[in-house]
Amino acid sequence: MAIRDEIHARLTAAFAPDVLQIQDDSEKHRGHGGWREGGETHFNVTIRAPSLASMTRIARHRAVHQALGDLTTRIHALSLDIG
């Protein structure tokens, strides 16, 4: 399964988000640290979920990272826009 699809599945299962957008921006980082052929190294994620709304910013980030688990070690960069 593609990493993008795994991110989608794990975040959907954990938070049942109203909004979930996952952008693979790997190609923008070609030649930079962490980039590899085939992409799936740099992601931007926008997520909106009622279960995240009452958390502090740090708690939201921790919750998303926990939901992603080992995926965070398989990618180089993850930008989060959480609400």
PDB file of N, CA and C in Angstrom:
ATOM      1  N   MET A   1       0.845  -1.180   0.000  1.00  0.00           N
ATOM      2  CA  MET A   1       0.000   0.000   0.000  1.00  0.00           C
ATOM      3  C   MET A   1       0.887   1.239   0.000  1.00  0.00           C
ATOM      4  N   ALA A   2       0.512   2.225  -0.764  1.00  0.00           N
ATOM      5  CA  ALA A   2       1.256   3.478  -0.822  1.00  0.00           C
ATOM      6  C   ALA A   2       1.188   4.179   0.532  1.00  0.00           C
ATOM      7  N   ILE A   3       2.250   4.901   0.872  1.00  0.00           N
ATOM      8  CA  ILE A   3       2.298   5.607   2.152  1.00  0.00           C
ATOM      9  C   ILE A   3       1.142   6.597   2.262  1.00  0.00           C
ATOM     10  N   ARG A   4       0.838   7.298   1.185  1.00  0.00           N
ATOM     11  CA  ARG A   4      -0.285   8.250   1.202  1.00  0.00           C
ATOM     12  C   ARG A   4      -1.572   7.541   1.606  1.00  0.00           C
ATOM     13  N   ASP A   5      -1.803   6.362   1.050  1.00  0.00           N
ATOM     14  CA  ASP A   5      -3.005   5.593   1.372  1.00  0.00           C
ATOM     15  C   ASP A   5      -2.996   5.121   2.830  1.00  0.00           C
ATOM     16  N   GLU A   6      -1.824   4.756   3.333  1.00  0.00           N
ATOM     17  CA  GLU A   6      -1.710   4.348   4.733  1.00  0.00           C
ATOM     18  C   GLU A   6      -2.002   5.523   5.668  1.00  0.00           C
ATOM     19  N   ILE A   7      -1.486   6.704   5.327  1.00  0.00           N
ATOM     20  CA  ILE A   7      -1.771   7.899   6.124  1.00  0.00           C
ATOM     21  C   ILE A   7      -3.279   8.122   6.164  1.00  0.00           C
ATOM     22  N   HIS A   8      -3.913   8.059   5.005  1.00  0.00           N
ATOM     23  CA  HIS A   8      -5.354   8.266   4.909  1.00  0.00           C
ATOM     24  C   HIS A   8      -6.109   7.253   5.770  1.00  0.00           C
ATOM     25  N   ALA A   9      -5.766   5.995   5.650  1.00  0.00           N
ATOM     26  CA  ALA A   9      -6.464   4.939   6.394  1.00  0.00           C
ATOM     27  C   ALA A   9      -6.300   5.102   7.903  1.00  0.00           C
ATOM     28  N   ARG A  10      -5.090   5.393   8.354  1.00  0.00           N
ATOM     29  CA  ARG A  10      -4.841   5.503   9.789  1.00  0.00           C
ATOM     30  C   ARG A  10      -5.512   6.730  10.400  1.00  0.00           C
ATOM     31  N   LEU A  11      -5.460   7.853   9.699  1.00  0.00           N
ATOM     32  CA  LEU A  11      -6.084   9.065  10.236  1.00  0.00           C
ATOM     33  C   LEU A  11      -7.603   8.970  10.198  1.00  0.00           C
ATOM     34  N   THR A  12      -8.144   8.342   9.170  1.00  0.00           N
ATOM     35  CA  THR A  12      -9.587   8.139   9.090  1.00  0.00           C
ATOM     36  C   THR A  12     -10.063   7.232  10.224  1.00  0.00           C
ATOM     37  N   ALA A  13      -9.336   6.160  10.471  1.00  0.00           N
ATOM     38  CA  ALA A  13      -9.710   5.227  11.536  1.00  0.00           C
ATOM     39  C   ALA A  13      -9.617   5.882  12.915  1.00  0.00           C
ATOM     40  N   ALA A  14      -8.602   6.699  13.119  1.00  0.00           N
ATOM     41  CA  ALA A  14      -8.369   7.297  14.434  1.00  0.00           C
ATOM     42  C   ALA A  14      -9.286   8.475  14.742  1.00  0.00           C
ATOM     43  N   PHE A  15      -9.637   9.263  13.719  1.00  0.00           N
ATOM     44  CA  PHE A  15     -10.317  10.533  13.987  1.00  0.00           C
ATOM     45  C   PHE A  15     -11.639  10.749  13.256  1.00  0.00           C
ATOM     46  N   ALA A  16     -12.003   9.914  12.292  1.00  0.00           N
ATOM     47  CA  ALA A  16     -13.216  10.126  11.488  1.00  0.00           C
ATOM     48  C   ALA A  16     -13.328  11.595  11.087  1.00  0.00           C
ATOM     49  N   PRO A  17     -12.326  12.104  10.380  1.00  0.00           N
ATOM     50  CA  PRO A  17     -12.281  13.540  10.090  1.00  0.00           C
ATOM     51  C   PRO A  17     -13.374  14.018   9.135  1.00  0.00           C
ATOM     52  N   ASP A  18     -13.758  15.282   9.316  1.00  0.00           N
ATOM     53  CA  ASP A  18     -14.660  15.949   8.375  1.00  0.00           C
ATOM     54  C   ASP A  18     -13.890  16.352   7.122  1.00  0.00           C
ATOM     55  N   VAL A  19     -12.622  16.702   7.302  1.00  0.00           N
ATOM     56  CA  VAL A  19     -11.741  17.096   6.202  1.00  0.00           C
ATOM     57  C   VAL A  19     -10.431  16.355   6.366  1.00  0.00           C
ATOM     58  N   LEU A  20      -9.962  15.741   5.286  1.00  0.00           N
ATOM     59  CA  LEU A  20      -8.653  15.100   5.288  1.00  0.00           C
ATOM     60  C   LEU A  20      -8.052  15.242   3.895  1.00  0.00           C
ATOM     61  N   GLN A  21      -7.007  16.040   3.820  1.00  0.00           N
ATOM     62  CA  GLN A  21      -6.304  16.245   2.557  1.00  0.00           C
ATOM     63  C   GLN A  21      -4.847  15.863   2.764  1.00  0.00           C
ATOM     64  N   ILE A  22      -4.345  15.047   1.863  1.00  0.00           N
ATOM     65  CA  ILE A  22      -2.966  14.586   1.956  1.00  0.00           C
ATOM     66  C   ILE A  22      -2.284  14.888   0.633  1.00  0.00           C
ATOM     67  N   GLN A  23      -1.264  15.704   0.700  1.00  0.00           N
ATOM     68  CA  GLN A  23      -0.528  16.117  -0.491  1.00  0.00           C
ATOM     69  C   GLN A  23       0.892  15.565  -0.423  1.00  0.00           C
ATOM     70  N   ASP A  24       1.287  14.806  -1.427  1.00  0.00           N
ATOM     71  CA  ASP A  24       2.667  14.317  -1.528  1.00  0.00           C
ATOM     72  C   ASP A  24       3.471  15.397  -2.252  1.00  0.00           C
ATOM     73  N   ASP A  25       4.301  16.111  -1.499  1.00  0.00           N
ATOM     74  CA  ASP A  25       5.117  17.188  -2.060  1.00  0.00           C
ATOM     75  C   ASP A  25       6.555  16.756  -2.306  1.00  0.00           C
ATOM     76  N   SER A  26       6.784  15.480  -2.408  1.00  0.00           N
ATOM     77  CA  SER A  26       8.140  14.948  -2.536  1.00  0.00           C
ATOM     78  C   SER A  26       8.890  15.520  -3.738  1.00  0.00           C
ATOM     79  N   GLU A  27       8.201  15.658  -4.846  1.00  0.00           N
ATOM     80  CA  GLU A  27       8.887  16.108  -6.069  1.00  0.00           C
ATOM     81  C   GLU A  27       9.446  17.524  -5.907  1.00  0.00           C
ATOM     82  N   LYS A  28       8.821  18.328  -5.081  1.00  0.00           N
ATOM     83  CA  LYS A  28       9.326  19.681  -4.828  1.00  0.00           C
ATOM     84  C   LYS A  28      10.674  19.660  -4.107  1.00  0.00           C
ATOM     85  N   HIS A  29      11.013  18.517  -3.530  1.00  0.00           N
ATOM     86  CA  HIS A  29      12.243  18.388  -2.739  1.00  0.00           C
ATOM     87  C   HIS A  29      13.295  17.519  -3.419  1.00  0.00           C
ATOM     88  N   ARG A  30      13.129  17.289  -4.711  1.00  0.00           N
ATOM     89  CA  ARG A  30      14.084  16.472  -5.464  1.00  0.00           C
ATOM     90  C   ARG A  30      15.499  17.010  -5.253  1.00  0.00           C
ATOM     91  N   GLY A  31      16.384  16.114  -4.868  1.00  0.00           N
ATOM     92  CA  GLY A  31      17.776  16.496  -4.657  1.00  0.00           C
ATOM     93  C   GLY A  31      18.079  16.961  -3.246  1.00  0.00           C
ATOM     94  N   HIS A  32      17.067  17.200  -2.440  1.00  0.00           N
ATOM     95  CA  HIS A  32      17.274  17.629  -1.055  1.00  0.00           C
ATOM     96  C   HIS A  32      17.386  16.416  -0.146  1.00  0.00           C
ATOM     97  N   GLY A  33      17.797  16.655   1.072  1.00  0.00           N
ATOM     98  CA  GLY A  33      17.928  15.591   2.052  1.00  0.00           C
ATOM     99  C   GLY A  33      16.631  14.839   2.263  1.00  0.00           C
ATOM    100  N   GLY A  34      16.713  13.532   2.329  1.00  0.00           N
ATOM    101  CA  GLY A  34      15.555  12.704   2.581  1.00  0.00           C
ATOM    102  C   GLY A  34      14.765  12.320   1.352  1.00  0.00           C
ATOM    103  N   TRP A  35      14.994  12.992   0.232  1.00  0.00           N
ATOM    104  CA  TRP A  35      14.257  12.673  -0.990  1.00  0.00           C
ATOM    105  C   TRP A  35      14.759  11.351  -1.545  1.00  0.00           C
ATOM    106  N   ARG A  36      13.853  10.566  -2.118  1.00  0.00           N
ATOM    107  CA  ARG A  36      14.248   9.338  -2.800  1.00  0.00           C
ATOM    108  C   ARG A  36      13.401   9.159  -4.055  1.00  0.00           C
ATOM    109  N   GLU A  37      13.932   8.455  -4.991  1.00  0.00           N
ATOM    110  CA  GLU A  37      13.230   8.176  -6.246  1.00  0.00           C
ATOM    111  C   GLU A  37      11.899   7.500  -5.938  1.00  0.00           C
ATOM    112  N   GLY A  38      10.856   7.945  -6.591  1.00  0.00           N
ATOM    113  CA  GLY A  38       9.535   7.378  -6.377  1.00  0.00           C
ATOM    114  C   GLY A  38       8.673   8.195  -5.433  1.00  0.00           C
ATOM    115  N   GLY A  39       9.278   9.189  -4.771  1.00  0.00           N
ATOM    116  CA  GLY A  39       8.505  10.073  -3.902  1.00  0.00           C
ATOM    117  C   GLY A  39       8.134   9.446  -2.581  1.00  0.00           C
ATOM    118  N   GLU A  40       7.012   9.894  -2.055  1.00  0.00           N
ATOM    119  CA  GLU A  40       6.500   9.454  -0.762  1.00  0.00           C
ATOM    120  C   GLU A  40       7.481   9.717   0.376  1.00  0.00           C
ATOM    121  N   THR A  41       8.092  10.910   0.339  1.00  0.00           N
ATOM    122  CA  THR A  41       9.035  11.292   1.388  1.00  0.00           C
ATOM    123  C   THR A  41       8.612  12.565   2.113  1.00  0.00           C
ATOM    124  N   HIS A  42       7.856  13.420   1.461  1.00  0.00           N
ATOM    125  CA  HIS A  42       7.458  14.715   2.008  1.00  0.00           C
ATOM    126  C   HIS A  42       5.947  14.889   1.843  1.00  0.00           C
ATOM    127  N   PHE A  43       5.236  15.061   2.962  1.00  0.00           N
ATOM    128  CA  PHE A  43       3.781  15.167   2.911  1.00  0.00           C
ATOM    129  C   PHE A  43       3.285  16.395   3.659  1.00  0.00           C
ATOM    130  N   ASN A  44       2.203  16.970   3.130  1.00  0.00           N
ATOM    131  CA  ASN A  44       1.430  18.011   3.803  1.00  0.00           C
ATOM    132  C   ASN A  44       0.058  17.419   4.081  1.00  0.00           C
ATOM    133  N   VAL A  45      -0.373  17.473   5.338  1.00  0.00           N
ATOM    134  CA  VAL A  45      -1.662  16.912   5.731  1.00  0.00           C
ATOM    135  C   VAL A  45      -2.512  18.007   6.373  1.00  0.00           C
ATOM    136  N   THR A  46      -3.734  18.136   5.891  1.00  0.00           N
ATOM    137  CA  THR A  46      -4.730  19.001   6.501  1.00  0.00           C
ATOM    138  C   THR A  46      -5.817  18.101   7.041  1.00  0.00           C
ATOM    139  N   ILE A  47      -6.128  18.240   8.326  1.00  0.00           N
ATOM    140  CA  ILE A  47      -7.149  17.403   8.942  1.00  0.00           C
ATOM    141  C   ILE A  47      -8.009  18.258   9.864  1.00  0.00           C
ATOM    142  N   ARG A  48      -9.321  18.039   9.771  1.00  0.00           N
ATOM    143  CA  ARG A  48     -10.289  18.681  10.646  1.00  0.00           C
ATOM    144  C   ARG A  48     -11.178  17.574  11.196  1.00  0.00           C
ATOM    145  N   ALA A  49     -11.215  17.459  12.511  1.00  0.00           N
ATOM    146  CA  ALA A  49     -12.023  16.424  13.147  1.00  0.00           C
ATOM    147  C   ALA A  49     -12.534  16.929  14.486  1.00  0.00           C
ATOM    148  N   PRO A  50     -13.788  16.650  14.799  1.00  0.00           N
ATOM    149  CA  PRO A  50     -14.342  17.077  16.080  1.00  0.00           C
ATOM    150  C   PRO A  50     -13.513  16.583  17.275  1.00  0.00           C
ATOM    151  N   SER A  51     -12.975  15.385  17.189  1.00  0.00           N
ATOM    152  CA  SER A  51     -12.209  14.831  18.311  1.00  0.00           C
ATOM    153  C   SER A  51     -10.896  15.575  18.556  1.00  0.00           C
ATOM    154  N   LEU A  52     -10.431  16.321  17.587  1.00  0.00           N
ATOM    155  CA  LEU A  52      -9.189  17.081  17.737  1.00  0.00           C
ATOM    156  C   LEU A  52      -9.447  18.526  18.183  1.00  0.00           C
ATOM    157  N   ALA A  53     -10.652  18.996  17.975  1.00  0.00           N
ATOM    158  CA  ALA A  53     -10.964  20.415  18.171  1.00  0.00           C
ATOM    159  C   ALA A  53     -10.701  20.926  19.583  1.00  0.00           C
ATOM    160  N   SER A  54     -10.956  20.119  20.581  1.00  0.00           N
ATOM    161  CA  SER A  54     -10.814  20.595  21.961  1.00  0.00           C
ATOM    162  C   SER A  54      -9.386  20.453  22.510  1.00  0.00           C
ATOM    163  N   MET A  55      -8.505  19.839  21.744  1.00  0.00           N
ATOM    164  CA  MET A  55      -7.126  19.617  22.198  1.00  0.00           C
ATOM    165  C   MET A  55      -6.261  20.849  21.969  1.00  0.00           C
ATOM    166  N   THR A  56      -5.200  20.956  22.754  1.00  0.00           N
ATOM    167  CA  THR A  56      -4.209  21.997  22.501  1.00  0.00           C
ATOM    168  C   THR A  56      -3.464  21.656  21.209  1.00  0.00           C
ATOM    169  N   ARG A  57      -2.775  22.628  20.682  1.00  0.00           N
ATOM    170  CA  ARG A  57      -2.024  22.415  19.444  1.00  0.00           C
ATOM    171  C   ARG A  57      -1.040  21.253  19.598  1.00  0.00           C
ATOM    172  N   ILE A  58      -0.314  21.222  20.688  1.00  0.00           N
ATOM    173  CA  ILE A  58       0.672  20.164  20.901  1.00  0.00           C
ATOM    174  C   ILE A  58      -0.023  18.810  21.039  1.00  0.00           C
ATOM    175  N   ALA A  59      -1.128  18.766  21.757  1.00  0.00           N
ATOM    176  CA  ALA A  59      -1.864  17.510  21.929  1.00  0.00           C
ATOM    177  C   ALA A  59      -2.389  16.985  20.590  1.00  0.00           C
ATOM    178  N   ARG A  60      -2.852  17.897  19.714  1.00  0.00           N
ATOM    179  CA  ARG A  60      -3.315  17.481  18.384  1.00  0.00           C
ATOM    180  C   ARG A  60      -2.181  16.858  17.586  1.00  0.00           C
ATOM    181  N   HIS A  61      -1.023  17.500  17.605  1.00  0.00           N
ATOM    182  CA  HIS A  61       0.128  16.969  16.871  1.00  0.00           C
ATOM    183  C   HIS A  61       0.547  15.611  17.424  1.00  0.00           C
ATOM    184  N   ARG A  62       0.576  15.500  18.738  1.00  0.00           N
ATOM    185  CA  ARG A  62       0.937  14.215  19.352  1.00  0.00           C
ATOM    186  C   ARG A  62      -0.061  13.127  18.969  1.00  0.00           C
ATOM    187  N   ALA A  63      -1.346  13.461  18.965  1.00  0.00           N
ATOM    188  CA  ALA A  63      -2.380  12.486  18.618  1.00  0.00           C
ATOM    189  C   ALA A  63      -2.226  12.010  17.177  1.00  0.00           C
ATOM    190  N   VAL A  64      -1.950  12.931  16.267  1.00  0.00           N
ATOM    191  CA  VAL A  64      -1.768  12.551  14.862  1.00  0.00           C
ATOM    192  C   VAL A  64      -0.517  11.688  14.712  1.00  0.00           C
ATOM    193  N   HIS A  65       0.561  12.081  15.344  1.00  0.00           N
ATOM    194  CA  HIS A  65       1.785  11.281  15.258  1.00  0.00           C
ATOM    195  C   HIS A  65       1.571   9.882  15.840  1.00  0.00           C
ATOM    196  N   GLN A  66       0.837   9.795  16.943  1.00  0.00           N
ATOM    197  CA  GLN A  66       0.555   8.495  17.540  1.00  0.00           C
ATOM    198  C   GLN A  66      -0.281   7.641  16.582  1.00  0.00           C
ATOM    199  N   ALA A  67      -1.266   8.238  15.940  1.00  0.00           N
ATOM    200  CA  ALA A  67      -2.111   7.512  14.990  1.00  0.00           C
ATOM    201  C   ALA A  67      -1.305   7.009  13.794  1.00  0.00           C
ATOM    202  N   LEU A  68      -0.321   7.794  13.378  1.00  0.00           N
ATOM    203  CA  LEU A  68       0.500   7.399  12.231  1.00  0.00           C
ATOM    204  C   LEU A  68       1.533   6.347  12.599  1.00  0.00           C
ATOM    205  N   GLY A  69       1.920   6.304  13.859  1.00  0.00           N
ATOM    206  CA  GLY A  69       2.837   5.267  14.330  1.00  0.00           C
ATOM    207  C   GLY A  69       4.127   5.187  13.538  1.00  0.00           C
ATOM    208  N   ASP A  70       4.451   4.000  13.058  1.00  0.00           N
ATOM    209  CA  ASP A  70       5.715   3.752  12.362  1.00  0.00           C
ATOM    210  C   ASP A  70       5.835   4.484  11.027  1.00  0.00           C
ATOM    211  N   LEU A  71       4.749   5.010  10.497  1.00  0.00           N
ATOM    212  CA  LEU A  71       4.838   5.759   9.236  1.00  0.00           C
ATOM    213  C   LEU A  71       5.736   6.975   9.380  1.00  0.00           C
ATOM    214  N   THR A  72       5.783   7.553  10.571  1.00  0.00           N
ATOM    215  CA  THR A  72       6.604   8.745  10.769  1.00  0.00           C
ATOM    216  C   THR A  72       8.092   8.439  10.622  1.00  0.00           C
ATOM    217  N   THR A  73       8.478   7.186  10.715  1.00  0.00           N
ATOM    218  CA  THR A  73       9.884   6.825  10.508  1.00  0.00           C
ATOM    219  C   THR A  73      10.161   6.478   9.047  1.00  0.00           C
ATOM    220  N   ARG A  74       9.108   6.325   8.243  1.00  0.00           N
ATOM    221  CA  ARG A  74       9.272   5.955   6.839  1.00  0.00           C
ATOM    222  C   ARG A  74       9.220   7.141   5.890  1.00  0.00           C
ATOM    223  N   ILE A  75       8.894   8.323   6.440  1.00  0.00           N
ATOM    224  CA  ILE A  75       8.886   9.527   5.610  1.00  0.00           C
ATOM    225  C   ILE A  75       9.897  10.514   6.171  1.00  0.00           C
ATOM    226  N   HIS A  76      10.288  11.476   5.349  1.00  0.00           N
ATOM    227  CA  HIS A  76      11.294  12.438   5.767  1.00  0.00           C
ATOM    228  C   HIS A  76      10.682  13.681   6.410  1.00  0.00           C
ATOM    229  N   ALA A  77       9.563  14.158   5.855  1.00  0.00           N
ATOM    230  CA  ALA A  77       8.983  15.401   6.342  1.00  0.00           C
ATOM    231  C   ALA A  77       7.465  15.310   6.348  1.00  0.00           C
ATOM    232  N   LEU A  78       6.870  15.832   7.409  1.00  0.00           N
ATOM    233  CA  LEU A  78       5.418  15.840   7.559  1.00  0.00           C
ATOM    234  C   LEU A  78       4.996  17.207   8.081  1.00  0.00           C
ATOM    235  N   SER A  79       4.233  17.912   7.257  1.00  0.00           N
ATOM    236  CA  SER A  79       3.695  19.213   7.647  1.00  0.00           C
ATOM    237  C   SER A  79       2.222  19.002   7.997  1.00  0.00           C
ATOM    238  N   LEU A  80       1.808  19.482   9.182  1.00  0.00           N
ATOM    239  CA  LEU A  80       0.447  19.269   9.649  1.00  0.00           C
ATOM    240  C   LEU A  80      -0.307  20.583   9.823  1.00  0.00           C
ATOM    241  N   ASP A  81      -1.517  20.614   9.289  1.00  0.00           N
ATOM    242  CA  ASP A  81      -2.473  21.696   9.513  1.00  0.00           C
ATOM    243  C   ASP A  81      -3.670  21.027  10.165  1.00  0.00           C
ATOM    244  N   ILE A  82      -3.786  21.179  11.489  1.00  0.00           N
ATOM    245  CA  ILE A  82      -4.777  20.421  12.260  1.00  0.00           C
ATOM    246  C   ILE A  82      -5.760  21.373  12.906  1.00  0.00           C
ATOM    247  N   GLY A  83      -7.032  21.006  12.833  1.00  0.00           N
ATOM    248  CA  GLY A  83      -8.064  21.807  13.485  1.00  0.00           C
ATOM    249  C   GLY A  83      -9.148  20.951  14.046  1.00  0.00           C
TER     250      GLY A  83
END
